[in-house]
Protein backbone atom coordinates (compact mmCIF):
# COMPACT_ATOMS: atom_id res chain seq x y z
CA UNK A 1 132.08 92.57 94.82
CA UNK A 2 131.03 89.81 97.22
CA UNK A 3 132.22 91.94 100.14
CA UNK A 4 129.95 94.75 99.00
CA UNK A 5 126.94 92.43 99.02
CA UNK A 6 127.87 91.10 102.46
CA UNK A 7 128.22 94.63 103.84
CA UNK A 8 124.87 95.65 102.38
CA UNK A 9 123.24 92.52 103.78
CA UNK A 10 124.63 93.26 107.24
CA UNK A 11 123.45 96.89 107.03
CA UNK A 12 119.95 95.76 106.07
CA UNK A 13 119.88 93.29 108.97
CA UNK A 14 120.89 96.07 111.38
CA UNK A 15 118.29 98.43 109.94
CA UNK A 16 115.54 95.81 110.23
CA UNK A 17 116.56 95.07 113.81
CA UNK A 18 116.35 98.79 114.61
CA UNK A 19 112.96 99.02 112.92
CA UNK A 20 111.70 96.07 114.98
CA UNK A 21 112.77 97.88 118.16
CA UNK A 22 110.90 101.03 117.10
CA UNK A 23 107.80 98.97 116.30
CA UNK A 24 107.94 97.31 119.72
CA UNK A 25 108.30 100.69 121.42
CA UNK A 26 105.38 102.17 119.46
CA UNK A 27 103.09 99.13 119.76
CA UNK A 28 104.13 96.71 122.52
CA UNK A 29 101.24 94.36 121.71
CA UNK A 30 103.25 93.04 118.75
CA UNK A 31 105.13 90.95 121.32
CA UNK A 32 102.03 88.92 122.18
CA UNK A 33 99.82 88.96 119.08
CA UNK A 34 102.09 87.03 116.73
CA UNK A 35 103.49 89.93 114.75
CA UNK A 36 106.87 89.76 116.51
CA UNK A 37 107.30 86.13 115.45
CA UNK A 38 106.40 87.12 111.89
CA UNK A 39 109.06 89.83 111.92
CA UNK A 40 111.69 87.38 113.15
CA UNK A 41 110.85 84.48 110.83
CA UNK A 42 110.20 86.66 107.78
CA UNK A 43 112.35 89.80 108.07
CA UNK A 44 110.64 91.52 105.13
CA UNK A 45 107.39 91.36 107.09
CA UNK A 46 108.89 93.97 109.44
CA UNK A 47 108.38 96.61 106.77
CA UNK A 48 104.79 95.52 106.13
CA UNK A 49 104.00 95.64 109.84
CA UNK A 50 105.59 99.09 110.15
CA UNK A 51 103.48 100.34 107.23
CA UNK A 52 100.35 98.95 108.82
CA UNK A 53 101.09 100.58 112.18
CA UNK A 54 101.78 103.94 110.56
CA UNK A 55 98.48 103.73 108.68
CA UNK A 56 96.61 102.84 111.89
CA UNK A 57 98.21 105.73 113.78
CA UNK A 58 97.39 108.12 110.96
CA UNK A 59 93.73 107.03 110.93
CA UNK A 60 93.52 107.36 114.72
CA UNK A 61 94.92 110.90 114.60
CA UNK A 62 92.54 111.91 111.84
CA UNK A 63 89.58 110.49 113.76
CA UNK A 64 90.69 112.29 116.92
CA UNK A 65 90.82 115.59 115.03
CA UNK A 66 87.25 115.09 113.84
CA UNK A 67 85.96 114.76 117.41
């Protein structure tokens, strides 16, 4: 049972690392505005930052369609 938890923990760490890389590729400013440090020190924050970026991109697309 413990091995199962360890494997799941490792998978989640890999997935969060991959998500951080995608975030950096989509919004490189995260490297200099403090969000990267947040993602490293508080891994769960990676998901919150990704949600925020998706919402921002969605709003920007919708605004661009209105113009």
